[in-house]
Amino acid sequence: VTPGEFENYVARVTGHKLPRFGQDLVLPSQRDFATPSTASVPPDYLLNVGDTVEISLTGSVTGTLDLQIDTTGRIFIPNVGPVSLAGVRYADLKDRVTKAIGAQYRDYTVTVAIKSLRGIRVYVTGFANNPGAFTVSSLSTLVNAVFQAGGPSSGGSFRSVKLYRAGREIADYDLYKLMRGGDRIGDAVLQNEDVLFIPAAGAQVAVIGSVQQEAIYEVLPGETLDRTL
């Protein structure tokens, strides 16, 4: 990341080349953070067009099927017919599939899983290192997308990432919450065509000397140093 004006100023005045706090968390080597595994699909995840489900049957009927939810929101199970799955909670997937197969067969066991997830398109704008449109997993969150875009640029804010959906602001996330304490409350799950905006950095202070981490910190209006550090 190219140093910003304040970083260059601090280097000239103090002789210390200080990084911005949090900069090391969004290096390219950390990009794998942006790809959640299907193993982490939460029970409340709503299935949608493009998701692929794996259905395994044992007993009176055996076999494994990988079926993608089509544009009508359904899968087609041979000898059973179409089954509507779009909008169904992942926790309810097995019951929905079992009920459909049970209309034709008896004495069988069903195992279901999500094989792959559809991609969604989101936009990261403003002061990002690599602004643009990104295709991400439908499990991705605001933080995942920001990291995939390389994080805030040298002039971008770590303390505010705004999420817009259908023209409305629905979240404003402070990346320091994650970096300082692992707090992801408010890290919203993204939807197709969401827009993320990273505004310009606010006031910054350079902290050097007998501290745990020398760095340049961004402070919010009215915030004191003992809360920032």
Protein backbone atom coordinates (compact mmCIF):
# COMPACT_ATOMS: atom_id res chain seq x y z
CA VAL A 1 0.00 0.00 0.00
CA THR A 2 1.39 3.40 -0.98
CA PRO A 3 1.91 5.52 2.17
CA GLY A 4 -0.52 8.38 2.60
CA GLU A 5 0.27 12.03 3.18
CA PHE A 6 0.08 11.74 6.97
CA GLU A 7 2.30 8.64 6.99
CA ASN A 8 4.93 10.53 4.98
CA TYR A 9 4.64 13.51 7.33
CA VAL A 10 5.15 11.31 10.40
CA ALA A 11 8.20 9.70 8.79
CA ARG A 12 9.74 13.11 8.08
CA VAL A 13 9.06 14.55 11.55
CA THR A 14 9.85 11.54 13.75
CA GLY A 15 12.14 9.41 11.60
CA HIS A 16 9.75 6.48 12.19
CA LYS A 17 7.99 4.75 9.31
CA LEU A 18 4.74 3.88 11.02
CA PRO A 19 2.04 1.74 9.39
CA ARG A 20 -1.62 2.50 9.76
CA PHE A 21 -3.18 0.29 12.43
CA GLY A 22 -4.92 -2.62 10.70
CA GLN A 23 -2.99 -2.36 7.46
CA ASP A 24 -1.32 -5.75 7.97
CA LEU A 25 -4.73 -7.44 8.30
CA VAL A 26 -5.72 -6.77 4.71
CA LEU A 27 -2.58 -7.79 2.84
CA PRO A 28 -3.09 -9.87 -0.33
CA SER A 29 -2.00 -13.00 1.58
CA GLN A 30 -5.15 -12.64 3.66
CA ARG A 31 -7.53 -12.72 0.68
CA ASP A 32 -8.62 -16.30 1.45
CA PHE A 33 -10.60 -14.74 4.31
CA ALA A 34 -13.01 -13.62 1.62
CA THR A 35 -14.18 -17.11 0.66
CA PRO A 36 -16.35 -18.75 3.34
CA SER A 37 -16.63 -22.53 3.13
CA THR A 38 -19.92 -24.27 2.46
CA ALA A 39 -19.19 -26.18 5.68
CA SER A 40 -20.08 -22.99 7.53
CA VAL A 41 -23.56 -22.57 6.05
CA PRO A 42 -25.75 -21.40 8.97
CA PRO A 43 -29.13 -23.04 9.66
CA ASP A 44 -30.99 -19.84 8.76
CA TYR A 45 -29.38 -19.51 5.32
CA LEU A 46 -32.10 -19.21 2.67
CA LEU A 47 -31.47 -21.31 -0.41
CA ASN A 48 -31.65 -19.49 -3.71
CA VAL A 49 -31.32 -19.83 -7.46
CA GLY A 50 -27.89 -21.17 -8.42
CA ASP A 51 -27.22 -23.09 -5.20
CA THR A 52 -26.40 -26.77 -5.71
CA VAL A 53 -27.64 -29.37 -3.24
CA GLU A 54 -26.32 -32.90 -2.83
CA ILE A 55 -28.90 -35.59 -2.11
CA SER A 56 -27.78 -39.08 -1.07
CA LEU A 57 -30.24 -41.97 -0.76
CA THR A 58 -29.79 -45.37 0.85
CA GLY A 59 -32.27 -48.19 1.44
CA SER A 60 -34.98 -49.06 -1.07
CA VAL A 61 -33.43 -46.49 -3.43
CA THR A 62 -29.75 -45.66 -3.58
CA GLY A 63 -27.66 -43.03 -5.29
CA THR A 64 -26.30 -39.51 -5.05
CA LEU A 65 -27.56 -36.51 -6.99
CA ASP A 66 -26.09 -33.02 -7.37
CA LEU A 67 -28.95 -30.73 -8.33
CA GLN A 68 -28.84 -27.00 -8.95
CA ILE A 69 -31.78 -24.78 -8.10
CA ASP A 70 -33.02 -23.44 -11.43
CA THR A 71 -34.36 -20.01 -12.33
CA THR A 72 -37.84 -21.03 -11.18
CA GLY A 73 -36.47 -21.82 -7.70
CA ARG A 74 -36.81 -25.60 -8.07
CA ILE A 75 -34.76 -28.77 -8.46
CA PHE A 76 -35.93 -31.77 -10.45
CA ILE A 77 -35.52 -35.18 -8.81
CA PRO A 78 -35.85 -38.09 -11.30
CA ASN A 79 -38.99 -40.19 -10.73
CA VAL A 80 -40.12 -37.67 -8.11
CA GLY A 81 -40.52 -34.39 -9.95
CA PRO A 82 -39.86 -30.74 -9.20
CA VAL A 83 -39.26 -29.59 -5.62
CA SER A 84 -39.37 -25.91 -4.73
CA LEU A 85 -36.34 -24.93 -2.64
CA ALA A 86 -35.76 -21.21 -3.21
CA GLY A 87 -36.39 -19.41 0.08
CA VAL A 88 -36.22 -22.62 2.15
CA ARG A 89 -34.03 -22.46 5.27
CA TYR A 90 -31.01 -24.75 5.18
CA ALA A 91 -32.23 -26.24 8.46
CA ASP A 92 -35.47 -27.27 6.71
CA LEU A 93 -33.86 -28.62 3.52
CA LYS A 94 -33.77 -32.26 4.61
CA ASP A 95 -37.44 -32.27 5.65
CA ARG A 96 -38.49 -30.66 2.36
CA VAL A 97 -36.58 -33.19 0.25
CA THR A 98 -37.63 -36.17 2.41
CA LYS A 99 -41.29 -35.22 2.11
CA ALA A 100 -41.07 -34.97 -1.67
CA ILE A 101 -39.32 -38.34 -2.08
CA GLY A 102 -41.67 -39.93 0.43
CA ALA A 103 -44.56 -39.38 -1.96
CA GLN A 104 -43.01 -42.02 -4.25
CA TYR A 105 -40.80 -44.26 -2.10
CA ARG A 106 -40.65 -45.98 1.29
CA ASP A 107 -37.88 -47.42 3.47
CA TYR A 108 -35.08 -45.10 2.54
CA THR A 109 -32.72 -42.69 4.27
CA VAL A 110 -31.94 -39.22 2.94
CA THR A 111 -28.80 -37.17 3.56
CA VAL A 112 -28.64 -33.64 2.16
CA ALA A 113 -25.98 -30.95 2.02
CA ILE A 114 -25.19 -27.79 0.12
CA LYS A 115 -22.59 -28.73 -2.49
CA SER A 116 -21.89 -25.22 -3.75
CA LEU A 117 -23.30 -21.73 -3.41
CA ARG A 118 -24.25 -19.28 -6.08
CA GLY A 119 -22.10 -16.21 -6.46
CA ILE A 120 -23.46 -12.73 -5.90
CA ARG A 121 -22.17 -9.47 -7.35
CA VAL A 122 -21.30 -6.59 -5.04
CA TYR A 123 -19.52 -3.30 -5.54
CA VAL A 124 -16.76 -1.87 -3.35
CA THR A 125 -16.40 1.85 -3.94
CA GLY A 126 -14.71 4.88 -2.44
CA PHE A 127 -11.24 4.71 -0.88
CA ALA A 128 -10.53 1.01 -1.46
CA ASN A 129 -7.20 -0.35 -2.69
CA ASN A 130 -8.94 -2.19 -5.52
CA PRO A 131 -12.43 -0.72 -5.97
CA GLY A 132 -14.78 -2.39 -8.40
CA ALA A 133 -17.32 -5.16 -8.86
CA PHE A 134 -16.68 -8.51 -7.18
CA THR A 135 -18.33 -11.90 -7.37
CA VAL A 136 -18.40 -13.36 -3.87
CA SER A 137 -20.04 -16.26 -2.08
CA SER A 138 -23.60 -15.70 -0.95
CA LEU A 139 -22.30 -16.29 2.60
CA SER A 140 -19.92 -13.35 2.31
CA THR A 141 -20.20 -10.43 4.67
CA LEU A 142 -19.25 -6.77 4.52
CA VAL A 143 -15.80 -7.55 5.95
CA ASN A 144 -15.19 -10.37 3.43
CA ALA A 145 -15.86 -8.03 0.51
CA VAL A 146 -13.71 -5.23 1.92
CA PHE A 147 -10.80 -7.64 2.35
CA GLN A 148 -11.28 -8.99 -1.17
CA ALA A 149 -10.98 -5.40 -2.43
CA GLY A 150 -7.65 -5.05 -0.61
CA GLY A 151 -9.03 -3.06 2.31
CA PRO A 152 -9.04 0.71 2.71
CA SER A 153 -6.46 2.60 0.69
CA SER A 154 -3.97 4.95 2.33
CA GLY A 155 -6.64 7.65 2.29
CA GLY A 156 -9.54 5.41 3.27
CA SER A 157 -11.20 4.95 6.64
CA PHE A 158 -10.87 1.87 8.83
CA ARG A 159 -13.54 3.26 11.14
CA SER A 160 -16.44 3.40 8.68
CA VAL A 161 -17.55 1.06 5.90
CA LYS A 162 -21.05 1.87 4.70
CA LEU A 163 -23.35 -0.75 3.18
CA TYR A 164 -26.06 0.39 0.77
CA ARG A 165 -28.89 -1.81 -0.43
CA ALA A 166 -31.47 -0.60 -2.94
CA GLY A 167 -30.32 2.97 -2.30
CA ARG A 168 -30.63 2.77 1.50
CA GLU A 169 -27.81 2.69 4.03
CA ILE A 170 -28.32 -0.42 6.15
CA ALA A 171 -24.98 -0.71 7.97
CA ASP A 172 -21.93 1.34 8.95
CA TYR A 173 -19.20 -0.96 10.25
CA ASP A 174 -16.08 0.01 12.22
CA LEU A 175 -13.22 -2.32 11.20
CA TYR A 176 -11.45 -1.57 14.49
CA LYS A 177 -14.16 -3.63 16.22
CA LEU A 178 -12.85 -6.71 14.40
CA MET A 179 -9.17 -5.82 14.59
CA ARG A 180 -9.09 -4.97 18.28
CA GLY A 181 -11.48 -7.48 19.78
CA GLY A 182 -12.77 -9.87 17.12
CA ASP A 183 -16.22 -8.30 17.31
CA ARG A 184 -18.20 -9.01 14.12
CA ILE A 185 -21.56 -7.81 15.41
CA GLY A 186 -22.94 -5.63 12.66
CA ASP A 187 -20.87 -7.34 9.95
CA ALA A 188 -23.87 -7.79 7.66
CA VAL A 189 -24.33 -10.72 5.26
CA LEU A 190 -24.34 -9.37 1.71
CA GLN A 191 -27.01 -9.64 -0.95
CA ASN A 192 -26.78 -9.40 -4.72
CA GLU A 193 -26.04 -5.87 -6.03
CA ASP A 194 -25.09 -4.46 -2.60
CA VAL A 195 -22.79 -1.43 -2.65
CA LEU A 196 -20.03 -0.88 -0.10
CA PHE A 197 -18.56 2.58 0.29
CA ILE A 198 -15.30 3.33 2.13
CA PRO A 199 -15.17 7.06 2.97
CA ALA A 200 -12.03 9.13 3.45
CA ALA A 201 -10.09 8.57 6.68
CA GLY A 202 -10.92 10.83 9.58
CA ALA A 203 -8.53 12.39 12.09
CA GLN A 204 -5.34 10.38 12.64
CA VAL A 205 -2.71 10.33 15.37
CA ALA A 206 0.75 8.75 15.41
CA VAL A 207 1.66 6.84 18.56
CA ILE A 208 5.32 6.00 19.23
CA GLY A 209 7.37 5.11 22.27
CA SER A 210 6.52 2.71 25.11
CA VAL A 211 3.31 1.29 23.70
CA GLN A 212 2.37 -2.23 22.67
CA GLN A 213 1.95 -1.30 19.01
CA GLU A 214 3.44 1.78 17.44
CA ALA A 215 1.16 2.82 14.61
CA ILE A 216 -1.01 5.52 13.11
CA TYR A 217 -4.49 5.33 14.56
CA GLU A 218 -7.69 6.78 13.23
CA VAL A 219 -9.92 8.44 15.82
CA LEU A 220 -13.62 9.13 15.71
CA PRO A 221 -15.06 12.54 16.66
CA GLY A 222 -15.08 12.87 20.45
CA GLU A 223 -13.06 9.70 20.94
CA THR A 224 -10.20 9.70 23.46
CA LEU A 225 -6.83 8.04 22.96
CA ASP A 226 -7.33 5.57 25.81
CA ARG A 227 -10.34 4.17 23.97
CA THR A 228 -8.66 4.11 20.56
CA LEU A 229 -5.44 2.37 21.67
